[in-house]
Each structure stands twice: as structure tokens, then as C-alpha cells.
């Protein structure tokens, strides 16, 4: 996958040089052209997995950014409300992710989302303990985290 990424960056740079201007827009356009070329020649270059994985990473990143914005709005509304009507608590999130990198990425994404904070991982690595700013429905929170962040991490990590 690293080789395909380097090829993609080289195509982006060559495209920008051919356009006589190395600008952000030309580099992005070259990167997209590189993606198309890698996809077209995926069997010869072994890049089929690269384009799929890049799409999955983009989806996960986009969803994470959306969740950060939504969570910021919710927290700001709670803080600016005349009365503080929250039910903070700690939940034990069952984990399907297994590797240290996957667990760390999930914990980081949770902690970077306003209103949530990853606290600890159980000794058997089956649960992640998360502090939640406002627990309305524990099962819904677990379903949401597992169906979004954890599912996205597992999709990026799966073999092609």
C-alpha cells in the first residue's frame, strides 16, 4: 500500500509540474488523476486494495469530522442552557477491535469527540471504559459508537 501511495504522490507532483504551477488545487487534481490511474491499472500494480482502503479512510475521516461538529453543537447547547440538565456517567463499551493500534485509534476518536472521554481498557481488552457527558440511552450510545467509529476502523483494517 505504501508503494501505491508514493506512486499516487508522484503522479500528483508530475501533474502539478506539467501545469506549470505547484498549487494545492493542482496537487489535489493530480492526486485524483493518480487514483484513477491506479484503479485502472490495479491488476498490474496491485493497487486494488489501495483505492478501496483510501476510500474507507476518507469515509471514516468524514464521518468523524461530522460527529465532532455535531457533538460540539450538543455540548455548546448544554453549556449555554439556563439549567444544566445532564446525566454524566461511565459505560463499558464491548470491543470488537483487537489490535493495540485499533483500540488506540478508537479511544482517540472517542476522546476527541466533545462530551466523551476514553478512560481505560479492561485487562482482558474486551471493554473500553468511556466517560459520557450526558447519558440519555446507554444502549443507543454503545450502538452508535460500535456502528460508526468501530465499524469504520474494522473496515479500514480488513484484508482486501
C-alpha atoms as a PDB file:
ATOM      1  CA  UNK A   1       0.000   0.000   0.000  1.00  0.00           C
ATOM      2  CA  UNK A   2       2.911   2.359   0.694  1.00  0.00           C
ATOM      3  CA  UNK A   3       4.221   1.890  -2.853  1.00  0.00           C
ATOM      4  CA  UNK A   4       0.852   2.811  -4.356  1.00  0.00           C
ATOM      5  CA  UNK A   5       0.663   5.910  -2.154  1.00  0.00           C
ATOM      6  CA  UNK A   6       4.133   7.021  -3.304  1.00  0.00           C
ATOM      7  CA  UNK A   7       3.119   6.435  -6.943  1.00  0.00           C
ATOM      8  CA  UNK A   8      -0.016   8.491  -6.312  1.00  0.00           C
ATOM      9  CA  UNK A   9       2.027  11.340  -4.814  1.00  0.00           C
ATOM     10  CA  UNK A  10       4.458  11.213  -7.751  1.00  0.00           C
ATOM     11  CA  UNK A  11       1.591  11.455 -10.237  1.00  0.00           C
ATOM     12  CA  UNK A  12       0.216  14.422  -8.277  1.00  0.00           C
ATOM     13  CA  UNK A  13       3.589  16.164  -8.327  1.00  0.00           C
ATOM     14  CA  UNK A  14       4.171  15.459 -12.029  1.00  0.00           C
ATOM     15  CA  UNK A  15       0.675  16.758 -12.831  1.00  0.00           C
ATOM     16  CA  UNK A  16       1.362  19.973 -10.898  1.00  0.00           C
ATOM     17  CA  UNK A  17       4.687  20.419 -12.695  1.00  0.00           C
ATOM     18  CA  UNK A  18       3.027  19.893 -16.086  1.00  0.00           C
ATOM     19  CA  UNK A  19       0.504  22.583 -15.192  1.00  0.00           C
ATOM     20  CA  UNK A  20       3.482  24.981 -14.600  1.00  0.00           C
ATOM     21  CA  UNK A  21       2.208  25.781 -11.123  1.00  0.00           C
ATOM     22  CA  UNK A  22       2.574  23.751  -7.963  1.00  0.00           C
ATOM     23  CA  UNK A  23      -0.611  24.823  -6.210  1.00  0.00           C
ATOM     24  CA  UNK A  24      -2.792  22.974  -3.751  1.00  0.00           C
ATOM     25  CA  UNK A  25      -5.542  22.630  -6.356  1.00  0.00           C
ATOM     26  CA  UNK A  26      -3.134  21.207  -8.958  1.00  0.00           C
ATOM     27  CA  UNK A  27      -1.747  18.741  -6.404  1.00  0.00           C
ATOM     28  CA  UNK A  28      -5.265  17.608  -5.440  1.00  0.00           C
ATOM     29  CA  UNK A  29      -6.213  17.241  -9.089  1.00  0.00           C
ATOM     30  CA  UNK A  30      -3.025  15.248  -9.737  1.00  0.00           C
ATOM     31  CA  UNK A  31      -3.748  13.061  -6.721  1.00  0.00           C
ATOM     32  CA  UNK A  32      -7.236  12.305  -8.049  1.00  0.00           C
ATOM     33  CA  UNK A  33      -5.820  11.542 -11.509  1.00  0.00           C
ATOM     34  CA  UNK A  34      -3.302   9.245  -9.814  1.00  0.00           C
ATOM     35  CA  UNK A  35      -6.149   7.466  -8.034  1.00  0.00           C
ATOM     36  CA  UNK A  36      -7.960   6.906 -11.318  1.00  0.00           C
ATOM     37  CA  UNK A  37      -4.769   5.619 -12.964  1.00  0.00           C
ATOM     38  CA  UNK A  38      -4.039   3.299 -10.049  1.00  0.00           C
ATOM     39  CA  UNK A  39      -7.589   1.989 -10.188  1.00  0.00           C
ATOM     40  CA  UNK A  40      -7.452   1.422 -13.957  1.00  0.00           C
ATOM     41  CA  UNK A  41      -4.094  -0.383 -13.701  1.00  0.00           C
ATOM     42  CA  UNK A  42      -4.844  -2.036 -10.341  1.00  0.00           C
ATOM     43  CA  UNK A  43      -4.213  -5.594 -11.537  1.00  0.00           C
ATOM     44  CA  UNK A  44      -0.799  -4.723 -12.965  1.00  0.00           C
ATOM     45  CA  UNK A  45       0.222  -2.586  -9.976  1.00  0.00           C
ATOM     46  CA  UNK A  46      -1.579  -4.487  -7.233  1.00  0.00           C
ATOM     47  CA  UNK A  47      -3.380  -1.285  -6.261  1.00  0.00           C
ATOM     48  CA  UNK A  48      -6.957  -2.564  -5.925  1.00  0.00           C
ATOM     49  CA  UNK A  49      -6.706  -2.685  -2.169  1.00  0.00           C
ATOM     50  CA  UNK A  50      -5.141   0.789  -2.060  1.00  0.00           C
ATOM     51  CA  UNK A  51      -8.069   2.543  -3.717  1.00  0.00           C
ATOM     52  CA  UNK A  52     -10.601   0.673  -1.577  1.00  0.00           C
ATOM     53  CA  UNK A  53      -8.673   1.366   1.626  1.00  0.00           C
ATOM     54  CA  UNK A  54      -8.225   5.047   0.734  1.00  0.00           C
ATOM     55  CA  UNK A  55     -11.993   5.347   0.199  1.00  0.00           C
ATOM     56  CA  UNK A  56     -12.656   3.674   3.564  1.00  0.00           C
ATOM     57  CA  UNK A  57     -10.218   6.014   5.339  1.00  0.00           C
ATOM     58  CA  UNK A  58     -11.887   9.022   3.668  1.00  0.00           C
ATOM     59  CA  UNK A  59     -15.339   7.789   4.775  1.00  0.00           C
ATOM     60  CA  UNK A  60     -14.162   7.254   8.355  1.00  0.00           C
ATOM     61  CA  UNK A  61     -12.477  10.671   8.456  1.00  0.00           C
ATOM     62  CA  UNK A  62     -15.561  12.396   7.033  1.00  0.00           C
ATOM     63  CA  UNK A  63     -17.857  10.691   9.488  1.00  0.00           C
ATOM     64  CA  UNK A  64     -15.533  11.513  12.396  1.00  0.00           C
ATOM     65  CA  UNK A  65     -15.429  15.205  11.416  1.00  0.00           C
ATOM     66  CA  UNK A  66     -19.226  15.273  11.164  1.00  0.00           C
ATOM     67  CA  UNK A  67     -19.544  13.699  14.617  1.00  0.00           C
ATOM     68  CA  UNK A  68     -17.109  16.240  16.100  1.00  0.00           C
ATOM     69  CA  UNK A  69     -19.192  19.127  14.724  1.00  0.00           C
ATOM     70  CA  UNK A  70     -22.480  17.614  15.943  1.00  0.00           C
ATOM     71  CA  UNK A  71     -21.027  16.846  19.390  1.00  0.00           C
ATOM     72  CA  UNK A  72     -19.681  20.420  19.664  1.00  0.00           C
ATOM     73  CA  UNK A  73     -23.150  21.795  18.969  1.00  0.00           C
ATOM     74  CA  UNK A  74     -24.716  19.500  21.580  1.00  0.00           C
ATOM     75  CA  UNK A  75     -22.136  20.436  24.232  1.00  0.00           C
ATOM     76  CA  UNK A  76     -22.457  24.168  23.495  1.00  0.00           C
ATOM     77  CA  UNK A  77     -26.254  23.925  23.797  1.00  0.00           C
ATOM     78  CA  UNK A  78     -25.921  22.156  27.147  1.00  0.00           C
ATOM     79  CA  UNK A  79     -23.388  24.673  28.472  1.00  0.00           C
ATOM     80  CA  UNK A  80     -25.409  27.710  27.355  1.00  0.00           C
ATOM     81  CA  UNK A  81     -28.735  26.365  28.641  1.00  0.00           C
ATOM     82  CA  UNK A  82     -30.127  28.198  31.675  1.00  0.00           C
ATOM     83  CA  UNK A  83     -30.184  24.965  33.673  1.00  0.00           C
ATOM     84  CA  UNK A  84     -27.673  22.169  33.446  1.00  0.00           C
ATOM     85  CA  UNK A  85     -29.726  19.066  32.679  1.00  0.00           C
ATOM     86  CA  UNK A  86     -27.165  16.307  32.190  1.00  0.00           C
ATOM     87  CA  UNK A  87     -26.646  12.755  33.400  1.00  0.00           C
ATOM     88  CA  UNK A  88     -22.910  12.049  33.233  1.00  0.00           C
ATOM     89  CA  UNK A  89     -21.695   8.512  33.640  1.00  0.00           C
ATOM     90  CA  UNK A  90     -19.266   5.805  32.633  1.00  0.00           C
ATOM     91  CA  UNK A  91     -20.105   2.997  30.236  1.00  0.00           C
ATOM     92  CA  UNK A  92     -18.260  -0.220  29.453  1.00  0.00           C
ATOM     93  CA  UNK A  93     -18.066  -0.397  25.668  1.00  0.00           C
ATOM     94  CA  UNK A  94     -17.603  -4.005  24.432  1.00  0.00           C
ATOM     95  CA  UNK A  95     -14.771  -4.116  21.892  1.00  0.00           C
ATOM     96  CA  UNK A  96     -14.648  -5.894  18.551  1.00  0.00           C
ATOM     97  CA  UNK A  97     -11.344  -4.218  17.631  1.00  0.00           C
ATOM     98  CA  UNK A  98      -8.404  -6.350  18.731  1.00  0.00           C
ATOM     99  CA  UNK A  99      -5.008  -4.804  17.979  1.00  0.00           C
ATOM    100  CA  UNK A 100      -3.338  -2.089  20.026  1.00  0.00           C
ATOM    101  CA  UNK A 101      -3.484   0.289  17.066  1.00  0.00           C
ATOM    102  CA  UNK A 102      -7.209  -0.289  16.538  1.00  0.00           C
ATOM    103  CA  UNK A 103      -8.017   0.136  20.241  1.00  0.00           C
ATOM    104  CA  UNK A 104      -5.881   3.275  20.448  1.00  0.00           C
ATOM    105  CA  UNK A 105      -7.499   4.761  17.351  1.00  0.00           C
ATOM    106  CA  UNK A 106     -10.996   4.062  18.696  1.00  0.00           C
ATOM    107  CA  UNK A 107     -10.125   5.511  22.110  1.00  0.00           C
ATOM    108  CA  UNK A 108      -8.607   8.592  20.476  1.00  0.00           C
ATOM    109  CA  UNK A 109     -11.607   9.179  18.228  1.00  0.00           C
ATOM    110  CA  UNK A 110     -13.917   8.879  21.225  1.00  0.00           C
ATOM    111  CA  UNK A 111     -11.793  11.244  23.330  1.00  0.00           C
ATOM    112  CA  UNK A 112     -11.539  13.811  20.524  1.00  0.00           C
ATOM    113  CA  UNK A 113     -15.326  13.932  20.247  1.00  0.00           C
ATOM    114  CA  UNK A 114     -16.640  16.567  22.686  1.00  0.00           C
ATOM    115  CA  UNK A 115     -18.650  15.153  25.567  1.00  0.00           C
ATOM    116  CA  UNK A 116     -16.825  11.811  25.662  1.00  0.00           C
ATOM    117  CA  UNK A 117     -13.552  10.661  27.176  1.00  0.00           C
ATOM    118  CA  UNK A 118     -11.897   7.251  26.945  1.00  0.00           C
ATOM    119  CA  UNK A 119     -10.663   6.291  30.394  1.00  0.00           C
ATOM    120  CA  UNK A 120      -9.237   2.781  30.381  1.00  0.00           C
ATOM    121  CA  UNK A 121      -9.211  -0.605  28.683  1.00  0.00           C
ATOM    122  CA  UNK A 122     -10.064  -3.718  30.673  1.00  0.00           C
ATOM    123  CA  UNK A 123      -7.218  -6.120  31.404  1.00  0.00           C
ATOM    124  CA  UNK A 124      -8.685  -8.712  29.033  1.00  0.00           C
ATOM    125  CA  UNK A 125      -9.037  -5.995  26.323  1.00  0.00           C
ATOM    126  CA  UNK A 126     -12.744  -6.769  25.889  1.00  0.00           C
ATOM    127  CA  UNK A 127     -14.063  -3.413  27.170  1.00  0.00           C
ATOM    128  CA  UNK A 128     -13.209   0.255  26.813  1.00  0.00           C
ATOM    129  CA  UNK A 129     -14.430   2.423  29.667  1.00  0.00           C
ATOM    130  CA  UNK A 130     -15.796   5.738  28.412  1.00  0.00           C
ATOM    131  CA  UNK A 131     -16.999   8.753  30.390  1.00  0.00           C
ATOM    132  CA  UNK A 132     -20.040  10.314  28.731  1.00  0.00           C
ATOM    133  CA  UNK A 133     -21.093  13.921  29.321  1.00  0.00           C
ATOM    134  CA  UNK A 134     -24.784  13.078  29.075  1.00  0.00           C
ATOM    135  CA  UNK A 135     -26.130   9.525  29.054  1.00  0.00           C
ATOM    136  CA  UNK A 136     -29.701   9.523  27.777  1.00  0.00           C
ATOM    137  CA  UNK A 137     -29.720   5.948  26.498  1.00  0.00           C
ATOM    138  CA  UNK A 138     -26.683   3.775  27.273  1.00  0.00           C
ATOM    139  CA  UNK A 139     -27.577   1.110  24.706  1.00  0.00           C
ATOM    140  CA  UNK A 140     -28.026   3.726  21.965  1.00  0.00           C
ATOM    141  CA  UNK A 141     -24.622   5.258  22.751  1.00  0.00           C
ATOM    142  CA  UNK A 142     -22.960   1.839  22.543  1.00  0.00           C
ATOM    143  CA  UNK A 143     -24.822   1.030  19.295  1.00  0.00           C
ATOM    144  CA  UNK A 144     -23.769   4.373  17.794  1.00  0.00           C
ATOM    145  CA  UNK A 145     -20.074   4.040  18.684  1.00  0.00           C
ATOM    146  CA  UNK A 146     -19.919   0.426  17.501  1.00  0.00           C
ATOM    147  CA  UNK A 147     -21.863   1.126  14.313  1.00  0.00           C
ATOM    148  CA  UNK A 148     -19.795   4.139  13.332  1.00  0.00           C
ATOM    149  CA  UNK A 149     -16.288   4.529  14.730  1.00  0.00           C
ATOM    150  CA  UNK A 150     -15.569   0.875  15.469  1.00  0.00           C
ATOM    151  CA  UNK A 151     -17.172  -0.363  12.245  1.00  0.00           C
ATOM    152  CA  UNK A 152     -15.140   2.164  10.234  1.00  0.00           C
ATOM    153  CA  UNK A 153     -11.888   1.121  11.918  1.00  0.00           C
ATOM    154  CA  UNK A 154     -12.620  -2.549  11.233  1.00  0.00           C
ATOM    155  CA  UNK A 155     -13.426  -1.787   7.574  1.00  0.00           C
ATOM    156  CA  UNK A 156     -10.103   0.022   7.138  1.00  0.00           C
ATOM    157  CA  UNK A 157      -8.246  -2.853   8.826  1.00  0.00           C
ATOM    158  CA  UNK A 158      -9.861  -5.747   6.950  1.00  0.00           C
ATOM    159  CA  UNK A 159      -7.956  -7.609   4.272  1.00  0.00           C
ATOM    160  CA  UNK A 160      -8.777  -6.925   0.630  1.00  0.00           C
END
